[in-house]
PDB file of N, CA and C in Angstrom:
ATOM      1  N   MET A   1     101.987  99.891  85.836  1.00  0.00           N
ATOM      2  CA  MET A   1     101.036  98.961  86.407  1.00  0.00           C
ATOM      3  C   MET A   1     101.537  98.829  87.936  1.00  0.00           C
ATOM      4  N   ARG A   2     100.568  98.734  88.769  1.00  0.00           N
ATOM      5  CA  ARG A   2     100.924  98.620  90.269  1.00  0.00           C
ATOM      6  C   ARG A   2     100.449  97.256  90.871  1.00  0.00           C
ATOM      7  N   LEU A   3     101.354  96.675  91.679  1.00  0.00           N
ATOM      8  CA  LEU A   3     100.769  95.536  92.365  1.00  0.00           C
ATOM      9  C   LEU A   3     101.283  95.748  93.891  1.00  0.00           C
ATOM     10  N   GLY A   4     100.468  94.999  94.696  1.00  0.00           N
ATOM     11  CA  GLY A   4     100.865  95.126  96.141  1.00  0.00           C
ATOM     12  C   GLY A   4     100.608  93.926  96.988  1.00  0.00           C
ATOM     13  N   ILE A   5     101.118  93.908  98.144  1.00  0.00           N
ATOM     14  CA  ILE A   5     100.922  92.935  99.097  1.00  0.00           C
ATOM     15  C   ILE A   5     100.614  93.467 100.526  1.00  0.00           C
ATOM     16  N   VAL A   6     100.041  92.637 101.443  1.00  0.00           N
ATOM     17  CA  VAL A   6      99.898  93.020 102.738  1.00  0.00           C
ATOM     18  C   VAL A   6     100.572  92.119 103.608  1.00  0.00           C
ATOM     19  N   GLU A   7     101.213  92.534 104.679  1.00  0.00           N
ATOM     20  CA  GLU A   7     101.875  91.743 105.739  1.00  0.00           C
ATOM     21  C   GLU A   7     101.433  92.231 107.094  1.00  0.00           C
ATOM     22  N   TYR A   8     101.717  91.456 108.175  1.00  0.00           N
ATOM     23  CA  TYR A   8     101.461  92.041 109.450  1.00  0.00           C
ATOM     24  C   TYR A   8     102.675  91.802 110.419  1.00  0.00           C
ATOM     25  N   ILE A   9     102.866  92.624 111.389  1.00  0.00           N
ATOM     26  CA  ILE A   9     103.813  92.458 112.379  1.00  0.00           C
ATOM     27  C   ILE A   9     103.075  92.882 113.698  1.00  0.00           C
ATOM     28  N   ASP A  10     103.553  92.238 114.850  1.00  0.00           N
ATOM     29  CA  ASP A  10     103.186  92.554 116.073  1.00  0.00           C
ATOM     30  C   ASP A  10     104.399  93.180 116.891  1.00  0.00           C
ATOM     31  N   SER A  11     104.124  94.316 117.316  1.00  0.00           N
ATOM     32  CA  SER A  11     105.385  94.997 118.081  1.00  0.00           C
ATOM     33  C   SER A  11     104.859  95.821 119.268  1.00  0.00           C
ATOM     34  N   ALA A  12     105.741  96.060 120.170  1.00  0.00           N
ATOM     35  CA  ALA A  12     105.446  96.886 121.315  1.00  0.00           C
ATOM     36  C   ALA A  12     106.258  98.168 121.199  1.00  0.00           C
ATOM     37  N   HIS A  13     105.732  99.194 121.876  1.00  0.00           N
ATOM     38  CA  HIS A  13     106.526 100.505 121.982  1.00  0.00           C
ATOM     39  C   HIS A  13     105.890 101.309 123.063  1.00  0.00           C
ATOM     40  N   SER A  14     106.622 102.271 123.468  1.00  0.00           N
ATOM     41  CA  SER A  14     106.194 103.408 124.224  1.00  0.00           C
ATOM     42  C   SER A  14     106.686 104.732 123.699  1.00  0.00           C
ATOM     43  N   LEU A  15     105.911 105.735 123.677  1.00  0.00           N
ATOM     44  CA  LEU A  15     106.301 107.044 123.169  1.00  0.00           C
ATOM     45  C   LEU A  15     106.733 107.968 124.234  1.00  0.00           C
ATOM     46  N   PRO A  16     107.966 108.163 124.481  1.00  0.00           N
ATOM     47  CA  PRO A  16     108.518 108.861 125.729  1.00  0.00           C
ATOM     48  C   PRO A  16     107.858 110.204 125.828  1.00  0.00           C
ATOM     49  N   ASN A  17     107.259 110.473 126.965  1.00  0.00           N
ATOM     50  CA  ASN A  17     106.791 111.919 127.305  1.00  0.00           C
ATOM     51  C   ASN A  17     105.336 112.017 126.694  1.00  0.00           C
ATOM     52  N   HIS A  18     104.752 111.130 126.051  1.00  0.00           N
ATOM     53  CA  HIS A  18     103.467 111.181 125.434  1.00  0.00           C
ATOM     54  C   HIS A  18     102.445 111.015 126.548  1.00  0.00           C
ATOM     55  N   PRO A  19     101.395 111.856 126.656  1.00  0.00           N
ATOM     56  CA  PRO A  19     100.458 111.719 127.790  1.00  0.00           C
ATOM     57  C   PRO A  19      99.725 110.449 127.721  1.00  0.00           C
ATOM     58  N   THR A  20      99.423 109.720 126.642  1.00  0.00           N
ATOM     59  CA  THR A  20      98.529 108.598 126.682  1.00  0.00           C
ATOM     60  C   THR A  20      99.369 107.275 126.114  1.00  0.00           C
ATOM     61  N   CYS A  21     100.326 107.519 125.337  1.00  0.00           N
ATOM     62  CA  CYS A  21     101.082 106.448 124.798  1.00  0.00           C
ATOM     63  C   CYS A  21     102.457 106.330 125.525  1.00  0.00           C
ATOM     64  N   GLY A  22     102.678 106.878 126.515  1.00  0.00           N
ATOM     65  CA  GLY A  22     104.052 106.794 127.251  1.00  0.00           C
ATOM     66  C   GLY A  22     104.229 105.479 127.903  1.00  0.00           C
ATOM     67  N   GLY A  23     103.268 104.659 128.208  1.00  0.00           N
ATOM     68  CA  GLY A  23     103.416 103.350 128.765  1.00  0.00           C
ATOM     69  C   GLY A  23     103.486 102.399 127.552  1.00  0.00           C
ATOM     70  N   MET A  24     104.354 101.439 127.824  1.00  0.00           N
ATOM     71  CA  MET A  24     104.681 100.147 126.826  1.00  0.00           C
ATOM     72  C   MET A  24     103.209  99.582 126.556  1.00  0.00           C
ATOM     73  N   HIS A  25     102.997  99.531 125.235  1.00  0.00           N
ATOM     74  CA  HIS A  25     101.857  98.708 124.754  1.00  0.00           C
ATOM     75  C   HIS A  25     102.103  98.182 123.338  1.00  0.00           C
ATOM     76  N   GLY A  26     101.250  97.410 122.904  1.00  0.00           N
ATOM     77  CA  GLY A  26     101.515  96.782 121.596  1.00  0.00           C
ATOM     78  C   GLY A  26     100.459  97.041 120.674  1.00  0.00           C
ATOM     79  N   HIS A  27     100.866  96.789 119.390  1.00  0.00           N
ATOM     80  CA  HIS A  27     100.027  96.913 118.149  1.00  0.00           C
ATOM     81  C   HIS A  27     100.116  95.858 117.178  1.00  0.00           C
ATOM     82  N   THR A  28      99.114  95.486 116.429  1.00  0.00           N
ATOM     83  CA  THR A  28      99.352  94.745 115.194  1.00  0.00           C
ATOM     84  C   THR A  28      99.444  95.734 114.081  1.00  0.00           C
ATOM     85  N   TYR A  29     100.593  95.685 113.391  1.00  0.00           N
ATOM     86  CA  TYR A  29     100.809  96.812 112.318  1.00  0.00           C
ATOM     87  C   TYR A  29     100.388  95.967 111.063  1.00  0.00           C
ATOM     88  N   ARG A  30      99.601  96.571 110.134  1.00  0.00           N
ATOM     89  CA  ARG A  30      99.327  96.223 108.795  1.00  0.00           C
ATOM     90  C   ARG A  30     100.335  96.855 107.909  1.00  0.00           C
ATOM     91  N   ILE A  31     101.074  96.206 107.215  1.00  0.00           N
ATOM     92  CA  ILE A  31     102.128  96.766 106.290  1.00  0.00           C
ATOM     93  C   ILE A  31     101.740  96.385 104.856  1.00  0.00           C
ATOM     94  N   GLU A  32     101.526  97.544 104.077  1.00  0.00           N
ATOM     95  CA  GLU A  32     101.142  97.423 102.679  1.00  0.00           C
ATOM     96  C   GLU A  32     102.300  97.954 101.914  1.00  0.00           C
ATOM     97  N   VAL A  33     102.724  97.188 100.897  1.00  0.00           N
ATOM     98  CA  VAL A  33     103.750  97.580  99.922  1.00  0.00           C
ATOM     99  C   VAL A  33     103.088  97.484  98.600  1.00  0.00           C
ATOM    100  N   CYS A  34     103.360  98.618  97.757  1.00  0.00           N
ATOM    101  CA  CYS A  34     102.776  98.595  96.395  1.00  0.00           C
ATOM    102  C   CYS A  34     104.041  98.946  95.500  1.00  0.00           C
ATOM    103  N   VAL A  35     104.320  98.092  94.647  1.00  0.00           N
ATOM    104  CA  VAL A  35     105.345  98.387  93.560  1.00  0.00           C
ATOM    105  C   VAL A  35     104.676  98.873  92.280  1.00  0.00           C
ATOM    106  N   GLU A  36     105.572  99.632  91.538  1.00  0.00           N
ATOM    107  CA  GLU A  36     105.064 100.119  90.228  1.00  0.00           C
ATOM    108  C   GLU A  36     106.114  99.953  89.137  1.00  0.00           C
ATOM    109  N   GLY A  37     105.675  99.303  88.130  1.00  0.00           N
ATOM    110  CA  GLY A  37     106.588  98.994  87.028  1.00  0.00           C
ATOM    111  C   GLY A  37     105.916  98.486  85.720  1.00  0.00           C
ATOM    112  N   GLU A  38     106.752  98.287  84.795  1.00  0.00           N
ATOM    113  CA  GLU A  38     106.180  97.686  83.569  1.00  0.00           C
ATOM    114  C   GLU A  38     106.304  96.118  83.540  1.00  0.00           C
ATOM    115  N   LYS A  39     105.333  95.580  82.865  1.00  0.00           N
ATOM    116  CA  LYS A  39     105.324  94.037  82.830  1.00  0.00           C
ATOM    117  C   LYS A  39     106.544  93.690  82.055  1.00  0.00           C
ATOM    118  N   LYS A  40     107.197  92.649  82.551  1.00  0.00           N
ATOM    119  CA  LYS A  40     108.229  91.816  81.691  1.00  0.00           C
ATOM    120  C   LYS A  40     108.021  90.411  81.844  1.00  0.00           C
ATOM    121  N   GLY A  41     107.893  89.714  80.664  1.00  0.00           N
ATOM    122  CA  GLY A  41     107.545  88.208  80.946  1.00  0.00           C
ATOM    123  C   GLY A  41     106.179  88.048  81.551  1.00  0.00           C
ATOM    124  N   GLY A  42     105.288  89.044  81.285  1.00  0.00           N
ATOM    125  CA  GLY A  42     103.943  88.798  81.727  1.00  0.00           C
ATOM    126  C   GLY A  42     103.625  89.252  83.196  1.00  0.00           C
ATOM    127  N   MET A  43     104.624  89.828  83.916  1.00  0.00           N
ATOM    128  CA  MET A  43     104.402  90.359  85.232  1.00  0.00           C
ATOM    129  C   MET A  43     105.254  91.545  85.669  1.00  0.00           C
ATOM    130  N   VAL A  44     104.853  92.296  86.564  1.00  0.00           N
ATOM    131  CA  VAL A  44     105.788  93.408  86.991  1.00  0.00           C
ATOM    132  C   VAL A  44     106.737  92.790  87.972  1.00  0.00           C
ATOM    133  N   MET A  45     106.356  91.970  88.853  1.00  0.00           N
ATOM    134  CA  MET A  45     107.232  91.294  89.934  1.00  0.00           C
ATOM    135  C   MET A  45     106.379  90.124  90.312  1.00  0.00           C
ATOM    136  N   ASP A  46     107.225  89.015  90.604  1.00  0.00           N
ATOM    137  CA  ASP A  46     106.467  87.767  91.170  1.00  0.00           C
ATOM    138  C   ASP A  46     106.107  88.097  92.674  1.00  0.00           C
ATOM    139  N   PHE A  47     104.840  87.929  92.961  1.00  0.00           N
ATOM    140  CA  PHE A  47     104.358  88.028  94.231  1.00  0.00           C
ATOM    141  C   PHE A  47     105.305  87.314  95.381  1.00  0.00           C
ATOM    142  N   TYR A  48     105.644  86.141  95.048  1.00  0.00           N
ATOM    143  CA  TYR A  48     106.608  85.386  95.922  1.00  0.00           C
ATOM    144  C   TYR A  48     107.718  86.156  96.255  1.00  0.00           C
ATOM    145  N   ASP A  49     108.451  86.752  95.192  1.00  0.00           N
ATOM    146  CA  ASP A  49     109.667  87.585  95.440  1.00  0.00           C
ATOM    147  C   ASP A  49     109.421  88.861  96.259  1.00  0.00           C
ATOM    148  N   LEU A  50     108.320  89.501  95.887  1.00  0.00           N
ATOM    149  CA  LEU A  50     107.964  90.825  96.865  1.00  0.00           C
ATOM    150  C   LEU A  50     107.680  90.332  98.217  1.00  0.00           C
ATOM    151  N   LYS A  51     106.900  89.220  98.418  1.00  0.00           N
ATOM    152  CA  LYS A  51     106.569  88.831  99.880  1.00  0.00           C
ATOM    153  C   LYS A  51     108.097  88.369 100.581  1.00  0.00           C
ATOM    154  N   ARG A  52     108.759  87.796  99.893  1.00  0.00           N
ATOM    155  CA  ARG A  52     110.089  87.303 100.549  1.00  0.00           C
ATOM    156  C   ARG A  52     110.856  88.439 100.948  1.00  0.00           C
ATOM    157  N   ILE A  53     111.004  89.365 100.082  1.00  0.00           N
ATOM    158  CA  ILE A  53     111.878  90.641 100.532  1.00  0.00           C
ATOM    159  C   ILE A  53     111.171  91.297 101.674  1.00  0.00           C
ATOM    160  N   VAL A  54     109.856  91.569 101.575  1.00  0.00           N
ATOM    161  CA  VAL A  54     109.088  92.250 102.639  1.00  0.00           C
ATOM    162  C   VAL A  54     109.227  91.507 103.947  1.00  0.00           C
ATOM    163  N   ARG A  55     108.895  90.195 103.924  1.00  0.00           N
ATOM    164  CA  ARG A  55     108.958  89.457 105.235  1.00  0.00           C
ATOM    165  C   ARG A  55     110.511  89.508 105.668  1.00  0.00           C
ATOM    166  N   ASP A  56     111.389  89.518 104.899  1.00  0.00           N
ATOM    167  CA  ASP A  56     112.810  89.507 105.478  1.00  0.00           C
ATOM    168  C   ASP A  56     113.038  90.898 106.159  1.00  0.00           C
ATOM    169  N   VAL A  57     112.660  91.955 105.571  1.00  0.00           N
ATOM    170  CA  VAL A  57     112.730  93.344 106.245  1.00  0.00           C
ATOM    171  C   VAL A  57     111.947  93.362 107.539  1.00  0.00           C
ATOM    172  N   LEU A  58     110.672  92.919 107.449  1.00  0.00           N
ATOM    173  CA  LEU A  58     109.824  93.020 108.494  1.00  0.00           C
ATOM    174  C   LEU A  58     110.308  92.025 109.925  1.00  0.00           C
ATOM    175  N   ALA A  59     110.960  91.057 109.451  1.00  0.00           N
ATOM    176  CA  ALA A  59     111.409  90.172 110.465  1.00  0.00           C
ATOM    177  C   ALA A  59     112.212  90.936 111.667  1.00  0.00           C
ATOM    178  N   GLY A  60     112.873  91.891 111.272  1.00  0.00           N
ATOM    179  CA  GLY A  60     113.588  92.770 112.201  1.00  0.00           C
ATOM    180  C   GLY A  60     112.657  93.530 113.217  1.00  0.00           C
ATOM    181  N   TYR A  61     111.518  93.613 112.885  1.00  0.00           N
ATOM    182  CA  TYR A  61     110.499  94.370 113.690  1.00  0.00           C
ATOM    183  C   TYR A  61     109.476  93.743 114.296  1.00  0.00           C
ATOM    184  N   ASP A  62     109.167  92.373 113.887  1.00  0.00           N
ATOM    185  CA  ASP A  62     108.131  91.530 114.462  1.00  0.00           C
ATOM    186  C   ASP A  62     108.541  90.969 115.783  1.00  0.00           C
ATOM    187  N   HIS A  63     107.481  91.232 116.770  1.00  0.00           N
ATOM    188  CA  HIS A  63     107.685  90.673 118.028  1.00  0.00           C
ATOM    189  C   HIS A  63     108.863  91.254 118.812  1.00  0.00           C
ATOM    190  N   ARG A  64     109.039  92.602 118.534  1.00  0.00           N
ATOM    191  CA  ARG A  64     110.067  93.336 119.183  1.00  0.00           C
ATOM    192  C   ARG A  64     109.618  94.458 119.853  1.00  0.00           C
ATOM    193  N   ALA A  65     110.410  94.929 120.914  1.00  0.00           N
ATOM    194  CA  ALA A  65     110.054  96.340 121.650  1.00  0.00           C
ATOM    195  C   ALA A  65     110.712  97.407 120.632  1.00  0.00           C
ATOM    196  N   LEU A  66     110.072  98.189 119.993  1.00  0.00           N
ATOM    197  CA  LEU A  66     110.576  99.114 119.040  1.00  0.00           C
ATOM    198  C   LEU A  66     111.381 100.144 119.631  1.00  0.00           C
ATOM    199  N   ASN A  67     111.223 100.414 120.887  1.00  0.00           N
ATOM    200  CA  ASN A  67     112.158 101.291 121.617  1.00  0.00           C
ATOM    201  C   ASN A  67     113.563 100.891 121.526  1.00  0.00           C
ATOM    202  N   GLU A  68     113.784  99.482 121.445  1.00  0.00           N
ATOM    203  CA  GLU A  68     115.157  99.002 121.267  1.00  0.00           C
ATOM    204  C   GLU A  68     115.799  99.216 120.017  1.00  0.00           C
ATOM    205  N   LEU A  69     115.048  99.590 119.059  1.00  0.00           N
ATOM    206  CA  LEU A  69     115.436  99.768 117.651  1.00  0.00           C
ATOM    207  C   LEU A  69     115.525 101.308 117.193  1.00  0.00           C
ATOM    208  N   MET A  70     114.734 102.214 117.856  1.00  0.00           N
ATOM    209  CA  MET A  70     114.677 103.562 117.539  1.00  0.00           C
ATOM    210  C   MET A  70     114.403 104.355 118.710  1.00  0.00           C
ATOM    211  N   GLU A  71     114.883 105.642 118.653  1.00  0.00           N
ATOM    212  CA  GLU A  71     114.787 106.616 119.831  1.00  0.00           C
ATOM    213  C   GLU A  71     113.137 106.944 120.137  1.00  0.00           C
ATOM    214  N   TYR A  72     112.483 107.260 119.065  1.00  0.00           N
ATOM    215  CA  TYR A  72     111.137 107.560 119.190  1.00  0.00           C
ATOM    216  C   TYR A  72     110.318 106.726 118.269  1.00  0.00           C
ATOM    217  N   PRO A  73     109.750 105.643 118.717  1.00  0.00           N
ATOM    218  CA  PRO A  73     109.028 104.679 117.796  1.00  0.00           C
ATOM    219  C   PRO A  73     107.620 105.132 117.374  1.00  0.00           C
ATOM    220  N   SER A  74     107.535 106.111 116.834  1.00  0.00           N
ATOM    221  CA  SER A  74     106.214 106.620 116.331  1.00  0.00           C
ATOM    222  C   SER A  74     105.909 105.841 114.947  1.00  0.00           C
ATOM    223  N   CYS A  75     104.629 105.752 114.636  1.00  0.00           N
ATOM    224  CA  CYS A  75     104.368 105.175 113.317  1.00  0.00           C
ATOM    225  C   CYS A  75     105.049 105.755 112.197  1.00  0.00           C
ATOM    226  N   GLU A  76     105.229 107.010 112.343  1.00  0.00           N
ATOM    227  CA  GLU A  76     105.962 107.791 111.242  1.00  0.00           C
ATOM    228  C   GLU A  76     107.322 107.399 111.180  1.00  0.00           C
ATOM    229  N   ASN A  77     107.944 107.157 112.334  1.00  0.00           N
ATOM    230  CA  ASN A  77     109.433 106.729 112.306  1.00  0.00           C
ATOM    231  C   ASN A  77     109.650 105.294 111.880  1.00  0.00           C
ATOM    232  N   LEU A  78     108.614 104.529 112.326  1.00  0.00           N
ATOM    233  CA  LEU A  78     108.646 102.998 111.900  1.00  0.00           C
ATOM    234  C   LEU A  78     108.452 102.989 110.429  1.00  0.00           C
ATOM    235  N   CYS A  79     107.624 103.691 109.795  1.00  0.00           N
ATOM    236  CA  CYS A  79     107.321 103.779 108.407  1.00  0.00           C
ATOM    237  C   CYS A  79     108.570 104.060 107.580  1.00  0.00           C
ATOM    238  N   GLU A  80     109.447 105.180 108.113  1.00  0.00           N
ATOM    239  CA  GLU A  80     110.625 105.655 107.500  1.00  0.00           C
ATOM    240  C   GLU A  80     111.610 104.668 107.603  1.00  0.00           C
ATOM    241  N   ALA A  81     111.843 103.774 108.818  1.00  0.00           N
ATOM    242  CA  ALA A  81     112.764 102.858 108.912  1.00  0.00           C
ATOM    243  C   ALA A  81     112.657 101.606 107.869  1.00  0.00           C
ATOM    244  N   ILE A  82     111.295 101.192 107.926  1.00  0.00           N
ATOM    245  CA  ILE A  82     111.067 100.125 106.992  1.00  0.00           C
ATOM    246  C   ILE A  82     111.225 100.501 105.520  1.00  0.00           C
ATOM    247  N   TYR A  83     110.771 101.784 105.223  1.00  0.00           N
ATOM    248  CA  TYR A  83     110.971 102.260 103.802  1.00  0.00           C
ATOM    249  C   TYR A  83     112.378 102.106 103.396  1.00  0.00           C
ATOM    250  N   ALA A  84     113.304 102.685 104.314  1.00  0.00           N
ATOM    251  CA  ALA A  84     114.827 102.778 103.991  1.00  0.00           C
ATOM    252  C   ALA A  84     115.283 101.423 103.679  1.00  0.00           C
ATOM    253  N   ARG A  85     114.887 100.422 104.517  1.00  0.00           N
ATOM    254  CA  ARG A  85     115.397  98.994 104.301  1.00  0.00           C
ATOM    255  C   ARG A  85     114.927  98.298 103.045  1.00  0.00           C
ATOM    256  N   LEU A  86     113.612  98.673 102.749  1.00  0.00           N
ATOM    257  CA  LEU A  86     113.022  98.181 101.358  1.00  0.00           C
ATOM    258  C   LEU A  86     113.681  98.943 100.281  1.00  0.00           C
ATOM    259  N   GLN A  87     113.920 100.152 100.328  1.00  0.00           N
ATOM    260  CA  GLN A  87     114.523 100.863  99.207  1.00  0.00           C
ATOM    261  C   GLN A  87     115.644 100.217  98.845  1.00  0.00           C
ATOM    262  N   GLU A  88     116.573  99.685  99.722  1.00  0.00           N
ATOM    263  CA  GLU A  88     117.888  98.871  99.408  1.00  0.00           C
ATOM    264  C   GLU A  88     117.613  97.660  98.675  1.00  0.00           C
ATOM    265  N   ARG A  89     116.444  96.995  98.658  1.00  0.00           N
ATOM    266  CA  ARG A  89     116.118  95.823  98.066  1.00  0.00           C
ATOM    267  C   ARG A  89     115.085  95.714  96.958  1.00  0.00           C
ATOM    268  N   LEU A  90     114.359  96.661  96.897  1.00  0.00           N
ATOM    269  CA  LEU A  90     113.261  96.681  95.934  1.00  0.00           C
ATOM    270  C   LEU A  90     113.791  97.319  94.606  1.00  0.00           C
ATOM    271  N   PRO A  91     113.564  96.729  93.358  1.00  0.00           N
ATOM    272  CA  PRO A  91     114.086  97.210  92.197  1.00  0.00           C
ATOM    273  C   PRO A  91     113.124  98.216  91.459  1.00  0.00           C
ATOM    274  N   PHE A  92     111.949  98.487  92.185  1.00  0.00           N
ATOM    275  CA  PHE A  92     111.081  99.344  91.515  1.00  0.00           C
ATOM    276  C   PHE A  92     110.705 100.508  92.453  1.00  0.00           C
ATOM    277  N   PRO A  93     110.155 101.666  91.843  1.00  0.00           N
ATOM    278  CA  PRO A  93     109.421 102.581  92.757  1.00  0.00           C
ATOM    279  C   PRO A  93     108.367 101.845  93.677  1.00  0.00           C
ATOM    280  N   PHE A  94     108.120 102.391  94.822  1.00  0.00           N
ATOM    281  CA  PHE A  94     107.132 101.664  95.685  1.00  0.00           C
ATOM    282  C   PHE A  94     106.475 102.673  96.607  1.00  0.00           C
ATOM    283  N   THR A  95     105.328 102.405  97.129  1.00  0.00           N
ATOM    284  CA  THR A  95     104.824 103.078  98.351  1.00  0.00           C
ATOM    285  C   THR A  95     104.638 102.077  99.455  1.00  0.00           C
ATOM    286  N   LEU A  96     104.728 102.636 100.700  1.00  0.00           N
ATOM    287  CA  LEU A  96     104.663 101.823 101.914  1.00  0.00           C
ATOM    288  C   LEU A  96     103.687 102.419 102.776  1.00  0.00           C
ATOM    289  N   ARG A  97     102.636 101.594 103.278  1.00  0.00           N
ATOM    290  CA  ARG A  97     101.635 102.148 104.068  1.00  0.00           C
ATOM    291  C   ARG A  97     101.716 101.315 105.347  1.00  0.00           C
ATOM    292  N   VAL A  98     101.864 101.956 106.522  1.00  0.00           N
ATOM    293  CA  VAL A  98     101.987 101.217 107.764  1.00  0.00           C
ATOM    294  C   VAL A  98     100.717 101.563 108.627  1.00  0.00           C
ATOM    295  N   TRP A  99      99.917 100.664 108.905  1.00  0.00           N
ATOM    296  CA  TRP A  99      98.687 100.788 109.809  1.00  0.00           C
ATOM    297  C   TRP A  99      99.016 100.474 111.155  1.00  0.00           C
ATOM    298  N   GLU A 100      98.762 101.396 112.163  1.00  0.00           N
ATOM    299  CA  GLU A 100      98.939 101.161 113.501  1.00  0.00           C
ATOM    300  C   GLU A 100      97.526 100.865 114.129  1.00  0.00           C
ATOM    301  N   GLY A 101      97.199  99.604 114.154  1.00  0.00           N
ATOM    302  CA  GLY A 101      95.915  99.113 114.631  1.00  0.00           C
ATOM    303  C   GLY A 101      94.878  99.461 113.507  1.00  0.00           C
ATOM    304  N   ASN A 102      93.684  99.701 113.856  1.00  0.00           N
ATOM    305  CA  ASN A 102      92.579  99.997 112.862  1.00  0.00           C
ATOM    306  C   ASN A 102      92.379 101.474 112.514  1.00  0.00           C
ATOM    307  N   GLY A 103      92.306 102.055 111.564  1.00  0.00           N
ATOM    308  CA  GLY A 103      91.844 103.263 111.172  1.00  0.00           C
ATOM    309  C   GLY A 103      93.026 104.440 111.352  1.00  0.00           C
ATOM    310  N   LYS A 104      94.349 103.944 111.550  1.00  0.00           N
ATOM    311  CA  LYS A 104      95.375 104.959 111.675  1.00  0.00           C
ATOM    312  C   LYS A 104      96.484 104.407 110.851  1.00  0.00           C
ATOM    313  N   TRP A 105      96.928 105.367 109.804  1.00  0.00           N
ATOM    314  CA  TRP A 105      98.102 104.921 109.068  1.00  0.00           C
ATOM    315  C   TRP A 105      98.947 105.988 108.624  1.00  0.00           C
ATOM    316  N   VAL A 106     100.239 105.512 108.181  1.00  0.00           N
ATOM    317  CA  VAL A 106     101.100 106.570 107.689  1.00  0.00           C
ATOM    318  C   VAL A 106     101.628 106.027 106.381  1.00  0.00           C
ATOM    319  N   GLU A 107     101.757 106.840 105.469  1.00  0.00           N
ATOM    320  CA  GLU A 107     102.361 106.403 103.991  1.00  0.00           C
ATOM    321  C   GLU A 107     103.459 107.130 103.621  1.00  0.00           C
ATOM    322  N   LYS A 108     104.395 106.471 102.881  1.00  0.00           N
ATOM    323  CA  LYS A 108     105.645 107.014 102.297  1.00  0.00           C
ATOM    324  C   LYS A 108     105.745 106.496 100.940  1.00  0.00           C
TER     325      LYS A 108
END
């Protein structure tokens, strides 16, 4: 069974040497986390616990200049960085989808 949550962060970045995204600009990122597991005690995981873990991880990226955190802050690299931190804390297999604004996303 799968269950998921959605959270949001606001961050700024510039993509070095990129023709259109080379200047500092911001995005509202939509972060979707979907865990998969078997029900125990009637649920796979408490939504409260999942949201707490995800919010703790995302706090390091919210209202930040992502260039201060990574060399090339593309949506792909942001997704991989968040995924690695969540992997340390989530007890289930999961998927992560990071939306950069509307209509553009990366999934791991």
